N, C-alpha and C. Protein backbone atom coordinates (compact mmCIF):
# COMPACT_ATOMS: atom_id res chain seq x y z
N ALA A 1 16.95 10.15 -29.42
CA ALA A 1 17.46 8.96 -28.78
C ALA A 1 16.56 8.54 -27.62
N GLU A 2 16.04 9.53 -26.92
CA GLU A 2 15.17 9.25 -25.79
C GLU A 2 13.92 8.48 -26.22
N ILE A 3 13.34 8.89 -27.33
CA ILE A 3 12.12 8.24 -27.83
C ILE A 3 12.42 6.79 -28.20
N ILE A 4 13.54 6.58 -28.87
CA ILE A 4 13.91 5.22 -29.29
C ILE A 4 14.15 4.35 -28.06
N ARG A 5 14.88 4.87 -27.10
CA ARG A 5 15.15 4.09 -25.88
C ARG A 5 13.85 3.75 -25.14
N ARG A 6 12.94 4.71 -25.05
CA ARG A 6 11.67 4.46 -24.36
C ARG A 6 10.84 3.43 -25.13
N ALA A 7 10.82 3.55 -26.45
CA ALA A 7 10.10 2.56 -27.27
C ALA A 7 10.67 1.17 -27.04
N ARG A 8 11.99 1.07 -26.96
CA ARG A 8 12.64 -0.23 -26.73
C ARG A 8 12.20 -0.80 -25.38
N GLU A 9 12.14 0.05 -24.37
CA GLU A 9 11.67 -0.41 -23.05
C GLU A 9 10.26 -0.97 -23.14
N LEU A 10 9.42 -0.32 -23.93
CA LEU A 10 8.02 -0.73 -24.02
C LEU A 10 7.81 -2.00 -24.84
N VAL A 11 8.57 -2.17 -25.92
CA VAL A 11 8.32 -3.31 -26.81
C VAL A 11 9.27 -4.48 -26.58
N GLY A 12 10.36 -4.26 -25.87
CA GLY A 12 11.30 -5.34 -25.61
C GLY A 12 12.35 -5.48 -26.69
N GLU A 13 13.31 -6.33 -26.43
CA GLU A 13 14.46 -6.50 -27.33
C GLU A 13 14.13 -7.26 -28.61
N ASP A 14 13.07 -8.07 -28.60
CA ASP A 14 12.76 -8.91 -29.76
C ASP A 14 11.90 -8.22 -30.81
N PHE A 15 11.49 -6.99 -30.57
CA PHE A 15 10.62 -6.27 -31.50
C PHE A 15 11.46 -5.27 -32.29
N PRO A 16 11.42 -5.34 -33.63
CA PRO A 16 12.25 -4.42 -34.42
C PRO A 16 11.73 -2.99 -34.36
N ILE A 17 12.64 -2.06 -34.16
CA ILE A 17 12.33 -0.64 -34.24
C ILE A 17 13.10 -0.08 -35.42
N MET A 18 12.36 0.39 -36.41
CA MET A 18 12.97 0.98 -37.59
C MET A 18 12.63 2.46 -37.64
N ALA A 19 13.46 3.24 -38.31
CA ALA A 19 13.22 4.67 -38.40
C ALA A 19 13.28 5.12 -39.86
N LYS A 20 12.40 6.02 -40.20
CA LYS A 20 12.44 6.68 -41.50
C LYS A 20 13.05 8.05 -41.26
N MET A 21 14.09 8.37 -42.00
CA MET A 21 14.76 9.65 -41.76
C MET A 21 14.91 10.46 -43.03
N ASN A 22 14.83 11.76 -42.87
CA ASN A 22 15.13 12.68 -43.95
C ASN A 22 16.64 12.76 -44.09
N ALA A 23 17.13 12.49 -45.27
CA ALA A 23 18.55 12.67 -45.53
C ALA A 23 18.81 14.08 -46.05
N THR A 24 17.78 14.68 -46.60
CA THR A 24 17.83 16.06 -47.05
C THR A 24 16.45 16.65 -46.81
N ASP A 25 16.43 17.89 -46.38
CA ASP A 25 15.13 18.48 -46.07
C ASP A 25 14.68 19.52 -47.09
N GLY A 26 15.55 19.91 -48.01
CA GLY A 26 15.17 20.87 -49.03
C GLY A 26 15.40 22.32 -48.64
N PHE A 27 16.01 22.56 -47.48
CA PHE A 27 16.27 23.93 -47.05
C PHE A 27 17.63 24.44 -47.49
N GLY A 28 18.34 23.67 -48.29
CA GLY A 28 19.64 24.11 -48.80
C GLY A 28 20.65 24.34 -47.69
N ASP A 29 21.35 25.47 -47.74
CA ASP A 29 22.39 25.79 -46.76
C ASP A 29 21.85 25.92 -45.34
N ARG A 30 20.57 26.19 -45.20
CA ARG A 30 19.97 26.37 -43.87
C ARG A 30 19.48 25.05 -43.27
N GLY A 31 19.58 23.97 -44.01
CA GLY A 31 18.99 22.72 -43.55
C GLY A 31 20.00 21.61 -43.36
N LEU A 32 19.48 20.42 -43.30
CA LEU A 32 20.27 19.21 -43.09
C LEU A 32 21.17 18.96 -44.29
N ASP A 33 22.44 18.63 -44.04
CA ASP A 33 23.34 18.30 -45.14
C ASP A 33 23.80 16.84 -45.00
N ALA A 34 24.55 16.37 -45.98
CA ALA A 34 24.93 14.96 -46.04
C ALA A 34 25.70 14.48 -44.81
N PRO A 35 26.75 15.18 -44.37
CA PRO A 35 27.46 14.69 -43.17
C PRO A 35 26.55 14.64 -41.94
N GLU A 36 25.67 15.61 -41.81
CA GLU A 36 24.74 15.61 -40.67
C GLU A 36 23.79 14.42 -40.73
N CYS A 37 23.33 14.06 -41.93
CA CYS A 37 22.39 12.94 -42.02
C CYS A 37 23.08 11.64 -41.61
N VAL A 38 24.36 11.50 -41.91
CA VAL A 38 25.10 10.31 -41.47
C VAL A 38 25.22 10.32 -39.95
N ASP A 39 25.51 11.48 -39.37
CA ASP A 39 25.60 11.59 -37.90
C ASP A 39 24.28 11.22 -37.24
N VAL A 40 23.17 11.67 -37.81
CA VAL A 40 21.85 11.34 -37.27
C VAL A 40 21.62 9.83 -37.33
N ALA A 41 21.99 9.22 -38.45
CA ALA A 41 21.82 7.77 -38.61
C ALA A 41 22.65 7.01 -37.58
N ILE A 42 23.88 7.45 -37.36
CA ILE A 42 24.74 6.81 -36.36
C ILE A 42 24.13 6.94 -34.97
N ALA A 43 23.59 8.11 -34.66
CA ALA A 43 22.95 8.32 -33.36
C ALA A 43 21.73 7.42 -33.20
N MET A 44 20.95 7.26 -34.27
CA MET A 44 19.77 6.38 -34.20
C MET A 44 20.19 4.93 -33.99
N GLU A 45 21.25 4.52 -34.68
CA GLU A 45 21.75 3.15 -34.48
C GLU A 45 22.21 2.97 -33.03
N SER A 46 22.94 3.93 -32.50
CA SER A 46 23.41 3.85 -31.12
C SER A 46 22.27 3.78 -30.12
N ALA A 47 21.16 4.43 -30.46
CA ALA A 47 19.99 4.45 -29.58
C ALA A 47 19.19 3.16 -29.65
N GLY A 48 19.44 2.32 -30.67
CA GLY A 48 18.77 1.03 -30.73
C GLY A 48 17.90 0.77 -31.94
N VAL A 49 17.93 1.65 -32.93
CA VAL A 49 17.17 1.40 -34.16
C VAL A 49 17.84 0.24 -34.90
N CYS A 50 17.04 -0.67 -35.47
CA CYS A 50 17.61 -1.84 -36.13
C CYS A 50 17.68 -1.70 -37.65
N ALA A 51 17.04 -0.67 -38.21
CA ALA A 51 17.11 -0.40 -39.65
C ALA A 51 16.66 1.03 -39.88
N ILE A 52 17.16 1.63 -40.96
CA ILE A 52 16.83 3.02 -41.30
C ILE A 52 16.34 3.08 -42.73
N GLU A 53 15.20 3.73 -42.93
CA GLU A 53 14.69 4.02 -44.27
C GLU A 53 15.09 5.44 -44.62
N VAL A 54 15.80 5.60 -45.74
CA VAL A 54 16.32 6.89 -46.17
C VAL A 54 15.34 7.54 -47.13
N SER A 55 14.89 8.73 -46.76
CA SER A 55 13.94 9.50 -47.56
C SER A 55 14.40 10.95 -47.57
N GLY A 56 13.53 11.85 -47.98
CA GLY A 56 13.90 13.26 -47.96
C GLY A 56 12.77 14.16 -48.40
N GLY A 57 12.99 15.43 -48.17
CA GLY A 57 12.01 16.44 -48.55
C GLY A 57 11.07 16.77 -47.41
N ILE A 58 10.65 18.00 -47.38
CA ILE A 58 9.71 18.45 -46.36
C ILE A 58 8.81 19.50 -46.98
N PHE A 59 7.55 19.38 -46.74
CA PHE A 59 6.56 20.24 -47.38
C PHE A 59 6.87 21.72 -47.16
N GLU A 60 7.26 22.08 -45.94
CA GLU A 60 7.50 23.48 -45.61
C GLU A 60 8.67 24.09 -46.37
N ALA A 61 9.57 23.26 -46.87
CA ALA A 61 10.71 23.77 -47.62
C ALA A 61 10.35 24.05 -49.07
N GLY A 62 9.17 23.61 -49.48
CA GLY A 62 8.75 23.82 -50.86
C GLY A 62 9.28 22.76 -51.81
N GLU A 63 10.03 21.81 -51.28
CA GLU A 63 10.55 20.73 -52.12
C GLU A 63 9.50 19.62 -52.17
N VAL A 64 9.14 19.23 -53.37
CA VAL A 64 8.15 18.18 -53.53
C VAL A 64 8.72 16.87 -53.02
N MET A 65 7.94 16.16 -52.22
CA MET A 65 8.43 14.92 -51.62
C MET A 65 8.40 13.76 -52.60
N SER A 66 7.68 13.89 -53.68
CA SER A 66 7.69 12.90 -54.74
C SER A 66 7.98 13.65 -56.03
N ARG A 67 8.90 13.16 -56.78
CA ARG A 67 9.27 13.84 -58.02
C ARG A 67 8.43 13.30 -59.16
N PRO A 68 7.70 14.16 -59.84
CA PRO A 68 6.83 13.69 -60.93
C PRO A 68 7.63 13.26 -62.16
N GLY A 69 6.99 12.43 -62.96
CA GLY A 69 7.54 12.06 -64.26
C GLY A 69 8.68 11.07 -64.21
N ILE A 70 8.64 10.13 -63.31
CA ILE A 70 9.68 9.10 -63.28
C ILE A 70 9.33 8.09 -64.36
N ASN A 71 9.99 8.23 -65.49
CA ASN A 71 9.63 7.41 -66.65
C ASN A 71 10.82 6.70 -67.27
N SER A 72 11.96 6.72 -66.58
CA SER A 72 13.12 5.97 -67.07
C SER A 72 14.01 5.62 -65.88
N PRO A 73 14.79 4.55 -66.02
CA PRO A 73 15.65 4.11 -64.91
C PRO A 73 16.64 5.18 -64.43
N GLU A 74 17.04 6.08 -65.32
CA GLU A 74 18.03 7.09 -64.96
C GLU A 74 17.55 8.05 -63.88
N VAL A 75 16.24 8.24 -63.76
CA VAL A 75 15.71 9.19 -62.78
C VAL A 75 15.10 8.50 -61.56
N GLU A 76 15.22 7.19 -61.49
CA GLU A 76 14.72 6.45 -60.33
C GLU A 76 15.71 6.54 -59.16
N ALA A 77 15.25 6.15 -58.00
CA ALA A 77 16.09 6.02 -56.79
C ALA A 77 16.80 7.32 -56.46
N TYR A 78 16.04 8.40 -56.33
CA TYR A 78 16.66 9.71 -56.18
C TYR A 78 17.31 9.97 -54.84
N PHE A 79 17.19 9.08 -53.88
CA PHE A 79 17.92 9.23 -52.61
C PHE A 79 19.06 8.22 -52.50
N LYS A 80 19.46 7.62 -53.62
CA LYS A 80 20.45 6.54 -53.58
C LYS A 80 21.81 6.97 -53.04
N GLU A 81 22.25 8.18 -53.32
CA GLU A 81 23.56 8.61 -52.81
C GLU A 81 23.53 8.82 -51.31
N TYR A 82 22.41 9.34 -50.81
CA TYR A 82 22.27 9.47 -49.35
C TYR A 82 22.26 8.09 -48.69
N ALA A 83 21.57 7.15 -49.29
CA ALA A 83 21.53 5.79 -48.74
C ALA A 83 22.93 5.19 -48.72
N ARG A 84 23.69 5.41 -49.78
CA ARG A 84 25.06 4.89 -49.84
C ARG A 84 25.91 5.48 -48.71
N MET A 85 25.81 6.79 -48.50
CA MET A 85 26.61 7.43 -47.45
C MET A 85 26.21 6.93 -46.06
N ILE A 86 24.92 6.81 -45.84
CA ILE A 86 24.44 6.33 -44.54
C ILE A 86 24.86 4.89 -44.32
N LYS A 87 24.75 4.07 -45.36
CA LYS A 87 25.12 2.65 -45.25
C LYS A 87 26.60 2.51 -44.88
N GLN A 88 27.44 3.38 -45.41
CA GLN A 88 28.86 3.34 -45.07
C GLN A 88 29.12 3.73 -43.62
N GLY A 89 28.19 4.49 -43.03
CA GLY A 89 28.40 4.98 -41.67
C GLY A 89 27.79 4.14 -40.57
N VAL A 90 26.89 3.23 -40.93
CA VAL A 90 26.20 2.44 -39.90
C VAL A 90 26.40 0.94 -40.16
N GLY A 91 26.09 0.16 -39.15
CA GLY A 91 26.20 -1.29 -39.28
C GLY A 91 24.85 -1.98 -39.28
N ILE A 92 23.78 -1.23 -39.50
CA ILE A 92 22.43 -1.78 -39.54
C ILE A 92 21.90 -1.68 -40.97
N PRO A 93 20.87 -2.46 -41.30
CA PRO A 93 20.31 -2.40 -42.65
C PRO A 93 19.77 -1.01 -43.00
N VAL A 94 19.96 -0.65 -44.26
CA VAL A 94 19.48 0.62 -44.80
C VAL A 94 18.47 0.32 -45.89
N MET A 95 17.31 0.97 -45.78
CA MET A 95 16.24 0.84 -46.79
C MET A 95 16.24 2.09 -47.65
N LEU A 96 16.02 1.91 -48.94
CA LEU A 96 15.96 3.03 -49.87
C LEU A 96 14.54 3.19 -50.39
N VAL A 97 14.02 4.41 -50.32
CA VAL A 97 12.71 4.76 -50.87
C VAL A 97 12.92 5.97 -51.76
N GLY A 98 11.99 6.21 -52.66
CA GLY A 98 12.07 7.42 -53.48
C GLY A 98 12.25 7.16 -54.95
N GLY A 99 11.15 7.05 -55.66
CA GLY A 99 11.20 6.95 -57.11
C GLY A 99 11.60 5.60 -57.66
N LEU A 100 11.47 4.56 -56.90
CA LEU A 100 11.78 3.22 -57.40
C LEU A 100 10.58 2.72 -58.20
N ARG A 101 10.77 2.51 -59.49
CA ARG A 101 9.65 2.16 -60.36
C ARG A 101 9.91 0.94 -61.24
N SER A 102 11.12 0.39 -61.23
CA SER A 102 11.39 -0.80 -62.04
C SER A 102 12.19 -1.82 -61.24
N MET A 103 11.88 -3.07 -61.47
CA MET A 103 12.55 -4.16 -60.77
C MET A 103 14.06 -4.12 -61.02
N GLY A 104 14.47 -3.78 -62.22
CA GLY A 104 15.89 -3.72 -62.54
C GLY A 104 16.65 -2.74 -61.67
N VAL A 105 16.09 -1.55 -61.47
CA VAL A 105 16.75 -0.55 -60.63
C VAL A 105 16.74 -1.01 -59.17
N MET A 106 15.64 -1.58 -58.73
CA MET A 106 15.59 -2.08 -57.35
C MET A 106 16.66 -3.13 -57.12
N GLU A 107 16.79 -4.07 -58.04
CA GLU A 107 17.81 -5.11 -57.92
C GLU A 107 19.21 -4.52 -57.97
N GLN A 108 19.40 -3.51 -58.82
CA GLN A 108 20.70 -2.84 -58.92
C GLN A 108 21.08 -2.15 -57.61
N MET A 109 20.12 -1.51 -56.96
CA MET A 109 20.40 -0.84 -55.68
C MET A 109 20.84 -1.85 -54.62
N LEU A 110 20.23 -3.02 -54.63
CA LEU A 110 20.60 -4.06 -53.68
C LEU A 110 21.95 -4.68 -54.03
N ALA A 111 22.14 -5.01 -55.30
CA ALA A 111 23.38 -5.66 -55.74
C ALA A 111 24.60 -4.74 -55.57
N SER A 112 24.41 -3.44 -55.76
CA SER A 112 25.51 -2.48 -55.65
C SER A 112 25.89 -2.19 -54.20
N GLY A 113 25.04 -2.62 -53.28
CA GLY A 113 25.31 -2.36 -51.87
C GLY A 113 24.87 -0.99 -51.40
N ARG A 114 24.19 -0.24 -52.25
CA ARG A 114 23.69 1.07 -51.82
C ARG A 114 22.63 0.94 -50.74
N ALA A 115 21.89 -0.16 -50.79
CA ALA A 115 20.83 -0.39 -49.81
C ALA A 115 20.70 -1.88 -49.56
N ASP A 116 20.16 -2.21 -48.40
CA ASP A 116 19.90 -3.61 -48.04
C ASP A 116 18.47 -4.01 -48.38
N MET A 117 17.60 -3.01 -48.46
CA MET A 117 16.19 -3.23 -48.78
C MET A 117 15.69 -2.05 -49.58
N VAL A 118 14.62 -2.27 -50.33
CA VAL A 118 13.95 -1.16 -51.01
C VAL A 118 12.55 -1.03 -50.43
N SER A 119 12.02 0.16 -50.52
CA SER A 119 10.72 0.45 -49.95
C SER A 119 9.90 1.23 -50.98
N LEU A 120 8.65 0.89 -51.10
CA LEU A 120 7.76 1.55 -52.06
C LEU A 120 6.54 2.10 -51.33
N CYS A 121 5.99 3.17 -51.84
CA CYS A 121 4.75 3.72 -51.29
C CYS A 121 3.74 3.96 -52.40
N ARG A 122 3.99 4.99 -53.21
CA ARG A 122 3.02 5.37 -54.23
C ARG A 122 2.69 4.23 -55.21
N PRO A 123 3.66 3.39 -55.59
CA PRO A 123 3.29 2.27 -56.46
C PRO A 123 2.21 1.36 -55.87
N PHE A 124 2.21 1.20 -54.53
CA PHE A 124 1.18 0.38 -53.90
C PHE A 124 -0.17 1.08 -53.86
N ILE A 125 -0.16 2.40 -53.88
CA ILE A 125 -1.43 3.14 -53.97
C ILE A 125 -2.05 2.87 -55.34
N ARG A 126 -1.22 2.87 -56.36
CA ARG A 126 -1.69 2.62 -57.73
C ARG A 126 -2.06 1.15 -57.93
N GLU A 127 -1.22 0.25 -57.40
CA GLU A 127 -1.39 -1.20 -57.62
C GLU A 127 -1.28 -1.94 -56.29
N PRO A 128 -2.35 -2.08 -55.56
CA PRO A 128 -2.29 -2.79 -54.29
C PRO A 128 -1.79 -4.24 -54.41
N ASP A 129 -1.93 -4.83 -55.58
CA ASP A 129 -1.49 -6.21 -55.81
C ASP A 129 -0.10 -6.28 -56.45
N LEU A 130 0.70 -5.25 -56.27
CA LEU A 130 2.00 -5.17 -56.93
C LEU A 130 2.93 -6.32 -56.58
N VAL A 131 2.92 -6.78 -55.36
CA VAL A 131 3.80 -7.90 -54.98
C VAL A 131 3.48 -9.13 -55.82
N VAL A 132 2.21 -9.40 -56.03
CA VAL A 132 1.80 -10.54 -56.86
C VAL A 132 2.28 -10.33 -58.29
N LYS A 133 2.16 -9.11 -58.81
CA LYS A 133 2.62 -8.82 -60.18
C LYS A 133 4.13 -9.03 -60.29
N PHE A 134 4.89 -8.56 -59.30
CA PHE A 134 6.33 -8.79 -59.31
C PHE A 134 6.64 -10.28 -59.26
N ARG A 135 5.95 -11.00 -58.41
CA ARG A 135 6.16 -12.45 -58.30
C ARG A 135 5.89 -13.13 -59.64
N ASP A 136 4.90 -12.62 -60.37
CA ASP A 136 4.53 -13.21 -61.65
C ASP A 136 5.35 -12.68 -62.82
N GLY A 137 6.38 -11.87 -62.54
CA GLY A 137 7.30 -11.46 -63.60
C GLY A 137 7.23 -10.02 -64.06
N ALA A 138 6.35 -9.21 -63.51
CA ALA A 138 6.29 -7.80 -63.92
C ALA A 138 7.63 -7.13 -63.61
N GLU A 139 8.06 -6.26 -64.48
CA GLU A 139 9.35 -5.58 -64.31
C GLU A 139 9.20 -4.11 -63.91
N GLU A 140 8.04 -3.51 -64.19
CA GLU A 140 7.84 -2.09 -63.90
C GLU A 140 6.50 -1.87 -63.24
N VAL A 141 6.38 -0.75 -62.56
CA VAL A 141 5.12 -0.40 -61.92
C VAL A 141 4.35 0.55 -62.83
N GLU A 142 3.05 0.66 -62.59
CA GLU A 142 2.22 1.57 -63.38
C GLU A 142 2.32 3.01 -62.89
N CYS A 143 2.72 3.22 -61.65
CA CYS A 143 2.80 4.56 -61.07
C CYS A 143 3.77 5.43 -61.86
N THR A 144 3.31 6.62 -62.22
CA THR A 144 4.14 7.57 -62.97
C THR A 144 4.62 8.72 -62.10
N SER A 145 4.39 8.62 -60.80
CA SER A 145 4.79 9.67 -59.86
C SER A 145 4.16 11.02 -60.20
N CYS A 146 2.89 10.98 -60.56
CA CYS A 146 2.20 12.24 -60.89
C CYS A 146 1.98 13.09 -59.64
N ASN A 147 2.09 12.48 -58.48
CA ASN A 147 1.98 13.15 -57.19
C ASN A 147 0.57 13.67 -56.91
N ARG A 148 -0.43 13.09 -57.55
CA ARG A 148 -1.82 13.50 -57.29
C ARG A 148 -2.52 12.52 -56.34
N CYS A 149 -1.78 11.58 -55.78
CA CYS A 149 -2.41 10.56 -54.93
C CYS A 149 -2.64 11.04 -53.50
N LEU A 150 -1.99 12.11 -53.11
CA LEU A 150 -2.15 12.64 -51.77
C LEU A 150 -2.76 14.03 -51.86
N ASP A 151 -4.02 14.14 -51.51
CA ASP A 151 -4.68 15.44 -51.53
C ASP A 151 -5.70 15.52 -50.40
N GLU A 152 -6.46 16.60 -50.40
CA GLU A 152 -7.43 16.83 -49.32
C GLU A 152 -8.46 15.72 -49.20
N SER A 153 -8.73 15.01 -50.28
CA SER A 153 -9.77 13.98 -50.25
C SER A 153 -9.27 12.64 -49.72
N GLY A 154 -7.97 12.53 -49.46
CA GLY A 154 -7.43 11.29 -48.95
C GLY A 154 -6.34 10.73 -49.84
N VAL A 155 -6.04 9.46 -49.64
CA VAL A 155 -4.99 8.79 -50.41
C VAL A 155 -5.64 7.85 -51.40
N ARG A 156 -5.41 8.10 -52.68
CA ARG A 156 -5.90 7.22 -53.74
C ARG A 156 -5.18 7.60 -55.03
N CYS A 157 -5.17 6.70 -55.97
CA CYS A 157 -4.54 6.98 -57.25
C CYS A 157 -5.54 7.69 -58.14
N ASN A 158 -5.38 8.98 -58.27
CA ASN A 158 -6.28 9.76 -59.12
C ASN A 158 -6.05 9.45 -60.60
N SER A 159 -4.84 9.08 -60.97
CA SER A 159 -4.59 8.69 -62.36
C SER A 159 -5.35 7.43 -62.71
N ARG A 160 -5.41 6.50 -61.76
CA ARG A 160 -6.17 5.27 -61.99
C ARG A 160 -7.65 5.59 -62.15
N GLN A 161 -8.16 6.51 -61.33
CA GLN A 161 -9.57 6.90 -61.42
C GLN A 161 -9.87 7.48 -62.80
N MET A 162 -8.94 8.28 -63.34
CA MET A 162 -9.15 8.91 -64.64
C MET A 162 -9.06 7.93 -65.78
N SER A 163 -8.26 6.85 -65.61
CA SER A 163 -8.07 5.91 -66.71
C SER A 163 -9.12 4.81 -66.76
N THR A 164 -9.99 4.73 -65.75
CA THR A 164 -11.00 3.67 -65.75
C THR A 164 -12.35 4.21 -66.14
């Protein structure tokens, strides 16, 4: 809360401060659980955050932060239940990230009220022009969540490198 309040002092009231939070850390019984993640979100809202992006996983827990093989709508949006719980607990917009690979699922997450916004990362690594493709009618992304885009050599789509 202290960091958020200090940031607000520095940037003023007209500048949005958003937070990305782990809803689950992968430590099981020893880690963050669902009720705690809602409490954290409420505390961030009280401190002045104007939107929360719901994510999860931590390298040290051994839980992969990106799940490989997202190849059907049924396995997309893997943090959707956490986003739903947090959205019910706060009065600020909630963003959902994590395995969103098709426009239909993204629209469903918004229409169902699970999230107010969706957020993508790895698909933009694969397709930097993805927004233009969506605007022009594309329904799915090329990213297969192989999780090889983040390594010692930097951030890039290694699958794209192999296919060209």
